C-alpha atoms as a PDB file:
ATOM      1  CA  MET A   1    -134.039-270.471  98.482  1.00  0.00           C
ATOM      2  CA  LYS A   2    -135.624-268.685  95.496  1.00  0.00           C
ATOM      3  CA  HIS A   3    -133.574-266.390  93.273  1.00  0.00           C
ATOM      4  CA  LYS A   4    -135.228-263.272  91.919  1.00  0.00           C
ATOM      5  CA  GLN A   5    -135.113-263.201  88.063  1.00  0.00           C
ATOM      6  CA  LYS A   6    -133.403-260.093  86.855  1.00  0.00           C
ATOM      7  CA  GLY A   7    -135.071-258.191  83.967  1.00  0.00           C
ATOM      8  CA  PHE A   8    -133.775-255.564  81.574  1.00  0.00           C
ATOM      9  CA  THR A   9    -133.139-252.177  82.995  1.00  0.00           C
ATOM     10  CA  LEU A  10    -134.545-249.105  81.253  1.00  0.00           C
ATOM     11  CA  ILE A  11    -131.084-248.130  80.059  1.00  0.00           C
ATOM     12  CA  GLU A  12    -130.516-251.583  78.543  1.00  0.00           C
ATOM     13  CA  MET A  13    -133.859-251.453  76.731  1.00  0.00           C
ATOM     14  CA  LEU A  14    -133.117-248.000  75.351  1.00  0.00           C
ATOM     15  CA  LEU A  15    -129.732-249.222  74.178  1.00  0.00           C
ATOM     16  CA  VAL A  16    -131.296-252.164  72.320  1.00  0.00           C
ATOM     17  CA  VAL A  17    -133.906-249.924  70.691  1.00  0.00           C
ATOM     18  CA  SER A  18    -131.215-247.444  69.664  1.00  0.00           C
ATOM     19  CA  LEU A  19    -129.178-250.212  68.045  1.00  0.00           C
ATOM     20  CA  ILE A  20    -132.235-251.449  66.111  1.00  0.00           C
ATOM     21  CA  VAL A  21    -132.985-247.917  64.869  1.00  0.00           C
ATOM     22  CA  LEU A  22    -129.355-247.488  63.820  1.00  0.00           C
ATOM     23  CA  LEU A  23    -129.340-250.784  61.920  1.00  0.00           C
ATOM     24  CA  LEU A  24    -132.564-249.850  60.115  1.00  0.00           C
ATOM     25  CA  ALA A  25    -131.110-246.463  59.183  1.00  0.00           C
ATOM     26  CA  LEU A  26    -128.104-248.234  57.690  1.00  0.00           C
ATOM     27  CA  LEU A  27    -130.054-250.966  55.904  1.00  0.00           C
ATOM     28  CA  LEU A  28    -133.024-249.045  54.439  1.00  0.00           C
ATOM     29  CA  PRO A  29    -131.013-247.040  51.860  1.00  0.00           C
ATOM     30  CA  ALA A  30    -129.353-250.249  50.689  1.00  0.00           C
ATOM     31  CA  LEU A  31    -132.752-251.939  50.468  1.00  0.00           C
ATOM     32  CA  ARG A  32    -134.213-249.049  48.473  1.00  0.00           C
ATOM     33  CA  TYR A  33    -131.216-249.142  46.131  1.00  0.00           C
ATOM     34  CA  ALA A  34    -131.616-252.885  45.618  1.00  0.00           C
ATOM     35  CA  GLN A  35    -135.330-252.455  44.886  1.00  0.00           C
ATOM     36  CA  GLY A  36    -134.537-249.702  42.393  1.00  0.00           C
ATOM     37  CA  GLU A  37    -131.929-251.825  40.640  1.00  0.00           C
ATOM     38  CA  ALA A  38    -134.416-254.696  40.471  1.00  0.00           C
ATOM     39  CA  ARG A  39    -136.935-252.416  38.699  1.00  0.00           C
ATOM     40  CA  VAL A  40    -134.252-251.304  36.227  1.00  0.00           C
ATOM     41  CA  ALA A  41    -133.584-254.983  35.482  1.00  0.00           C
ATOM     42  CA  VAL A  42    -137.324-255.606  34.931  1.00  0.00           C
ATOM     43  CA  CYS A  43    -137.386-252.600  32.586  1.00  0.00           C
ATOM     44  CA  ALA A  44    -134.545-254.120  30.541  1.00  0.00           C
ATOM     45  CA  SER A  45    -136.353-257.470  30.477  1.00  0.00           C
ATOM     46  CA  ASN A  46    -139.509-255.732  29.213  1.00  0.00           C
ATOM     47  CA  LEU A  47    -137.584-254.198  26.316  1.00  0.00           C
ATOM     48  CA  ARG A  48    -135.994-257.529  25.373  1.00  0.00           C
ATOM     49  CA  GLN A  49    -139.416-259.206  25.261  1.00  0.00           C
ATOM     50  CA  VAL A  50    -140.788-256.370  23.134  1.00  0.00           C
ATOM     51  CA  TYR A  51    -137.823-256.857  20.782  1.00  0.00           C
ATOM     52  CA  THR A  52    -138.758-260.519  20.368  1.00  0.00           C
ATOM     53  CA  ALA A  53    -142.296-259.468  19.394  1.00  0.00           C
ATOM     54  CA  ILE A  54    -140.957-256.804  17.004  1.00  0.00           C
ATOM     55  CA  SER A  55    -138.763-259.421  15.310  1.00  0.00           C
ATOM     56  CA  GLU A  56    -141.751-261.730  14.862  1.00  0.00           C
ATOM     57  CA  TYR A  57    -143.814-258.871  13.448  1.00  0.00           C
ATOM     58  CA  GLN A  58    -141.060-257.975  10.988  1.00  0.00           C
ATOM     59  CA  LEU A  59    -140.798-261.537   9.732  1.00  0.00           C
ATOM     60  CA  GLU A  60    -144.518-261.477   8.972  1.00  0.00           C
ATOM     61  CA  HIS A  61    -144.495-257.984   7.426  1.00  0.00           C
ATOM     62  CA  SER A  62    -141.442-257.862   5.148  1.00  0.00           C
ATOM     63  CA  MET A  63    -139.208-256.349   7.858  1.00  0.00           C
ATOM     64  CA  ARG A  64    -141.359-253.228   8.249  1.00  0.00           C
ATOM     65  CA  ARG A  65    -141.203-251.563  11.643  1.00  0.00           C
ATOM     66  CA  PRO A  66    -144.378-251.952  13.720  1.00  0.00           C
ATOM     67  CA  TRP A  67    -145.148-248.257  14.136  1.00  0.00           C
ATOM     68  CA  GLN A  68    -145.841-245.005  12.380  1.00  0.00           C
ATOM     69  CA  PHE A  69    -144.270-241.751  13.485  1.00  0.00           C
ATOM     70  CA  ALA A  70    -145.464-238.165  13.552  1.00  0.00           C
ATOM     71  CA  ASN A  71    -142.023-236.807  12.695  1.00  0.00           C
ATOM     72  CA  GLY A  72    -138.729-238.052  11.362  1.00  0.00           C
ATOM     73  CA  SER A  73    -137.152-239.019  14.657  1.00  0.00           C
ATOM     74  CA  GLY A  74    -139.640-240.709  16.948  1.00  0.00           C
ATOM     75  CA  ASP A  75    -142.917-240.744  18.790  1.00  0.00           C
ATOM     76  CA  TYR A  76    -143.673-240.512  22.469  1.00  0.00           C
ATOM     77  CA  PRO A  77    -146.005-242.209  24.972  1.00  0.00           C
ATOM     78  CA  HIS A  78    -149.028-239.961  24.324  1.00  0.00           C
ATOM     79  CA  GLU A  79    -148.780-240.025  20.499  1.00  0.00           C
ATOM     80  CA  SER A  80    -150.317-242.559  18.137  1.00  0.00           C
ATOM     81  CA  GLY A  81    -150.417-241.241  14.563  1.00  0.00           C
ATOM     82  CA  HIS A  82    -151.404-243.897  12.048  1.00  0.00           C
ATOM     83  CA  SER A  83    -152.934-244.006   8.580  1.00  0.00           C
ATOM     84  CA  ALA A  84    -153.808-246.551   5.912  1.00  0.00           C
ATOM     85  CA  GLY A  85    -151.178-249.278   5.825  1.00  0.00           C
ATOM     86  CA  ARG A  86    -149.317-247.789   8.790  1.00  0.00           C
ATOM     87  CA  PRO A  87    -149.985-249.411  12.134  1.00  0.00           C
ATOM     88  CA  GLY A  88    -149.499-246.569  14.630  1.00  0.00           C
ATOM     89  CA  THR A  89    -147.815-247.347  17.943  1.00  0.00           C
ATOM     90  CA  PRO A  90    -145.886-250.543  18.712  1.00  0.00           C
ATOM     91  CA  ALA A  91    -148.660-251.484  21.159  1.00  0.00           C
ATOM     92  CA  ARG A  92    -151.331-251.181  18.458  1.00  0.00           C
ATOM     93  CA  ALA A  93    -149.249-253.106  15.923  1.00  0.00           C
ATOM     94  CA  LEU A  94    -148.108-255.889  18.234  1.00  0.00           C
ATOM     95  CA  MET A  95    -151.265-256.321  20.340  1.00  0.00           C
ATOM     96  CA  VAL A  96    -154.272-255.138  18.319  1.00  0.00           C
ATOM     97  CA  LEU A  97    -153.385-255.779  14.680  1.00  0.00           C
ATOM     98  CA  THR A  98    -151.302-258.956  15.014  1.00  0.00           C
ATOM     99  CA  GLN A  99    -151.449-260.241  18.624  1.00  0.00           C
ATOM    100  CA  VAL A 100    -147.767-261.210  18.651  1.00  0.00           C
ATOM    101  CA  LEU A 101    -147.499-259.637  22.115  1.00  0.00           C
ATOM    102  CA  ALA A 102    -149.969-260.578  24.839  1.00  0.00           C
ATOM    103  CA  ASP A 103    -148.991-258.365  27.764  1.00  0.00           C
ATOM    104  CA  GLY A 104    -149.234-254.572  27.367  1.00  0.00           C
ATOM    105  CA  LYS A 105    -147.453-254.090  30.690  1.00  0.00           C
ATOM    106  CA  LEU A 106    -144.217-254.805  28.841  1.00  0.00           C
ATOM    107  CA  PHE A 107    -144.490-251.291  27.386  1.00  0.00           C
ATOM    108  CA  PHE A 108    -144.429-249.796  30.899  1.00  0.00           C
ATOM    109  CA  CYS A 109    -141.237-249.286  32.890  1.00  0.00           C
ATOM    110  CA  PRO A 110    -141.861-250.374  36.522  1.00  0.00           C
ATOM    111  CA  ASP A 111    -140.026-247.269  37.763  1.00  0.00           C
ATOM    112  CA  VAL A 112    -142.818-245.035  36.455  1.00  0.00           C
ATOM    113  CA  PRO A 113    -145.628-245.318  39.047  1.00  0.00           C
ATOM    114  CA  ILE A 114    -148.470-245.416  36.545  1.00  0.00           C
ATOM    115  CA  ASP A 115    -151.616-247.538  36.843  1.00  0.00           C
ATOM    116  CA  TYR A 116    -151.509-249.693  33.721  1.00  0.00           C
ATOM    117  CA  GLU A 117    -155.156-250.727  33.976  1.00  0.00           C
ATOM    118  CA  THR A 118    -156.276-247.077  34.035  1.00  0.00           C
ATOM    119  CA  TYR A 119    -153.913-245.402  31.590  1.00  0.00           C
ATOM    120  CA  PHE A 120    -153.030-247.975  28.914  1.00  0.00           C
ATOM    121  CA  ASN A 121    -154.343-247.266  25.429  1.00  0.00           C
ATOM    122  CA  PRO A 122    -152.609-248.806  22.382  1.00  0.00           C
ATOM    123  CA  ALA A 123    -153.694-245.777  20.314  1.00  0.00           C
ATOM    124  CA  PRO A 124    -153.965-242.809  22.711  1.00  0.00           C
ATOM    125  CA  PRO A 125    -155.834-239.707  21.448  1.00  0.00           C
ATOM    126  CA  HIS A 126    -153.040-237.194  22.214  1.00  0.00           C
ATOM    127  CA  ASP A 127    -154.842-235.943  25.323  1.00  0.00           C
ATOM    128  CA  PHE A 128    -152.090-236.798  27.877  1.00  0.00           C
ATOM    129  CA  ASN A 129    -154.645-238.883  29.805  1.00  0.00           C
ATOM    130  CA  SER A 130    -153.690-242.257  28.343  1.00  0.00           C
ATOM    131  CA  PHE A 131    -150.474-243.782  27.039  1.00  0.00           C
ATOM    132  CA  HIS A 132    -149.388-246.698  24.888  1.00  0.00           C
ATOM    133  CA  GLY A 133    -146.419-247.186  27.226  1.00  0.00           C
ATOM    134  CA  THR A 134    -143.644-245.292  28.963  1.00  0.00           C
ATOM    135  CA  TYR A 135    -141.009-245.751  26.255  1.00  0.00           C
ATOM    136  CA  ALA A 136    -140.287-243.475  23.308  1.00  0.00           C
ATOM    137  CA  TYR A 137    -139.711-245.245  20.009  1.00  0.00           C
ATOM    138  CA  TYR A 138    -137.557-244.043  17.134  1.00  0.00           C
ATOM    139  CA  TYR A 139    -137.624-244.160  13.359  1.00  0.00           C
ATOM    140  CA  GLY A 140    -133.948-244.114  12.611  1.00  0.00           C
ATOM    141  CA  HIS A 141    -130.798-242.123  12.044  1.00  0.00           C
ATOM    142  CA  VAL A 142    -132.073-238.928  10.385  1.00  0.00           C
ATOM    143  CA  ALA A 143    -130.424-235.637   9.451  1.00  0.00           C
ATOM    144  CA  LYS A 144    -132.474-232.560   8.583  1.00  0.00           C
ATOM    145  CA  TRP A 145    -131.954-233.020   4.825  1.00  0.00           C
ATOM    146  CA  GLU A 146    -133.275-236.587   5.147  1.00  0.00           C
ATOM    147  CA  ASP A 147    -136.390-235.659   7.117  1.00  0.00           C
ATOM    148  CA  PRO A 148    -139.207-237.839   5.690  1.00  0.00           C
ATOM    149  CA  THR A 149    -142.089-235.660   6.927  1.00  0.00           C
ATOM    150  CA  PRO A 150    -143.942-233.803   4.148  1.00  0.00           C
ATOM    151  CA  HIS A 151    -142.806-230.304   5.048  1.00  0.00           C
ATOM    152  CA  GLY A 152    -139.747-231.056   7.169  1.00  0.00           C
ATOM    153  CA  ASN A 153    -139.362-229.830  10.729  1.00  0.00           C
ATOM    154  CA  GLY A 154    -135.616-229.359  11.029  1.00  0.00           C
ATOM    155  CA  ILE A 155    -134.850-232.799  12.473  1.00  0.00           C
ATOM    156  CA  ASN A 156    -131.160-233.118  13.170  1.00  0.00           C
ATOM    157  CA  TYR A 157    -130.930-236.660  14.509  1.00  0.00           C
ATOM    158  CA  ILE A 158    -127.238-237.175  13.926  1.00  0.00           C
ATOM    159  CA  ASN A 159    -125.501-238.457  17.051  1.00  0.00           C
ATOM    160  CA  GLU A 160    -123.478-241.511  16.095  1.00  0.00           C
ATOM    161  CA  ALA A 161    -123.750-243.120  19.547  1.00  0.00           C
ATOM    162  CA  SER A 162    -127.497-243.594  19.254  1.00  0.00           C
ATOM    163  CA  ARG A 163    -127.511-245.054  15.733  1.00  0.00           C
ATOM    164  CA  GLY A 164    -129.606-248.209  15.801  1.00  0.00           C
ATOM    165  CA  LEU A 165    -131.888-247.144  18.645  1.00  0.00           C
ATOM    166  CA  ILE A 166    -135.383-248.694  18.647  1.00  0.00           C
ATOM    167  CA  MET A 167    -136.956-247.770  21.991  1.00  0.00           C
ATOM    168  CA  MET A 168    -135.817-245.906  25.085  1.00  0.00           C
ATOM    169  CA  ASP A 169    -137.079-244.745  28.474  1.00  0.00           C
ATOM    170  CA  SER A 170    -138.811-241.369  28.165  1.00  0.00           C
ATOM    171  CA  SER A 171    -137.456-238.460  30.164  1.00  0.00           C
ATOM    172  CA  HIS A 172    -137.997-238.084  33.894  1.00  0.00           C
ATOM    173  CA  ALA A 173    -139.104-234.475  33.314  1.00  0.00           C
ATOM    174  CA  THR A 174    -141.847-235.598  30.932  1.00  0.00           C
ATOM    175  CA  TRP A 175    -143.357-238.045  33.407  1.00  0.00           C
ATOM    176  CA  SER A 176    -143.013-235.574  36.280  1.00  0.00           C
ATOM    177  CA  THR A 177    -144.973-233.039  34.223  1.00  0.00           C
ATOM    178  CA  TRP A 178    -147.726-235.611  33.749  1.00  0.00           C
ATOM    179  CA  GLY A 179    -147.740-236.420  37.473  1.00  0.00           C
ATOM    180  CA  PHE A 180    -145.782-239.707  37.346  1.00  0.00           C
ATOM    181  CA  PRO A 181    -142.188-238.986  38.467  1.00  0.00           C
ATOM    182  CA  TYR A 182    -139.706-241.859  38.258  1.00  0.00           C
ATOM    183  CA  ARG A 183    -139.032-243.644  41.519  1.00  0.00           C
ATOM    184  CA  ASN A 184    -135.518-244.355  40.276  1.00  0.00           C
ATOM    185  CA  GLU A 185    -134.435-242.354  37.229  1.00  0.00           C
ATOM    186  CA  HIS A 186    -132.640-244.386  34.567  1.00  0.00           C
ATOM    187  CA  TYR A 187    -132.447-244.624  30.785  1.00  0.00           C
ATOM    188  CA  ASN A 188    -132.436-248.064  29.206  1.00  0.00           C
ATOM    189  CA  ALA A 189    -132.178-248.220  25.419  1.00  0.00           C
ATOM    190  CA  LEU A 190    -133.211-251.099  23.134  1.00  0.00           C
ATOM    191  CA  MET A 191    -130.962-251.301  20.076  1.00  0.00           C
ATOM    192  CA  ASN A 192    -131.697-252.932  16.728  1.00  0.00           C
ATOM    193  CA  THR A 193    -129.303-255.754  17.653  1.00  0.00           C
ATOM    194  CA  GLY A 194    -131.651-256.770  20.482  1.00  0.00           C
ATOM    195  CA  ASN A 195    -129.243-255.539  23.143  1.00  0.00           C
ATOM    196  CA  VAL A 196    -130.527-253.360  25.969  1.00  0.00           C
ATOM    197  CA  GLU A 197    -128.041-250.775  27.204  1.00  0.00           C
ATOM    198  CA  ARG A 198    -128.305-248.748  30.395  1.00  0.00           C
ATOM    199  CA  ILE A 199    -127.164-245.460  28.922  1.00  0.00           C
ATOM    200  CA  THR A 200    -127.196-243.291  32.034  1.00  0.00           C
ATOM    201  CA  ASP A 201    -129.207-242.246  35.093  1.00  0.00           C
ATOM    202  CA  ASP A 202    -129.034-238.563  34.151  1.00  0.00           C
ATOM    203  CA  ALA A 203    -131.495-236.865  31.790  1.00  0.00           C
ATOM    204  CA  ASP A 204    -128.982-234.412  30.363  1.00  0.00           C
ATOM    205  CA  GLN A 205    -126.547-237.206  29.535  1.00  0.00           C
ATOM    206  CA  ALA A 206    -129.396-239.202  27.990  1.00  0.00           C
ATOM    207  CA  ASN A 207    -130.216-236.277  25.700  1.00  0.00           C
ATOM    208  CA  TYR A 208    -126.544-235.907  24.776  1.00  0.00           C
ATOM    209  CA  TRP A 209    -126.321-239.595  23.911  1.00  0.00           C
ATOM    210  CA  LEU A 210    -129.509-239.365  21.867  1.00  0.00           C
ATOM    211  CA  TRP A 211    -129.194-236.031  20.061  1.00  0.00           C
ATOM    212  CA  GLY A 212    -125.580-234.975  20.354  1.00  0.00           C
ATOM    213  CA  GLU A 213    -124.227-231.671  21.617  1.00  0.00           C
ATOM    214  CA  GLN A 214    -127.452-229.736  21.022  1.00  0.00           C
ATOM    215  CA  ARG A 215    -129.318-232.250  23.269  1.00  0.00           C
ATOM    216  CA  ARG A 216    -132.558-231.853  21.333  1.00  0.00           C
ATOM    217  CA  PRO A 217    -133.873-233.062  17.978  1.00  0.00           C
ATOM    218  CA  TYR A 218    -134.332-229.647  16.331  1.00  0.00           C
END
């Protein structure tokens, strides 16, 4: 006597599908968070490797910093001012002039969805169409009366917390304006000790940490 094999009923199949959808809904946010945290970790690794190259450059160049700045506080991803004896951006100094760094992608945070092959330029022409990286780099701890620019521009770079900063993630608002919003907003900072600190995930708090209560350089 043959027994008829029983299959799934429609209700049972719908129940299984519903459970799968529910599990995916629960797991996807956690997966996205984990992916975002992994990119933040890669960003920090990038900065540490750049620091190693900066240290090598400084040993070869009497401890001079491998960049030139357009003002007393720092330069940004679309800027590249350089003149005789002054190397320009870190990318130009470390990759073009000395070759102590081989991979320009280390200047690009993986949370900024920018095509490195298309937009990388170690000395961008200030046209907002190419960038030497996604990090801002900084000259040092400057107050307005110490501003080294010829005419002075009111720099008031005085927040004690950010003393010793070398490079830092540029603002989410800046990259959004240029059409490259962060996938996962964060602000890693490379200090002159070689440490990389995750300062915050909030732009306003990043500006407070960097500039103090006025949250801007001048």
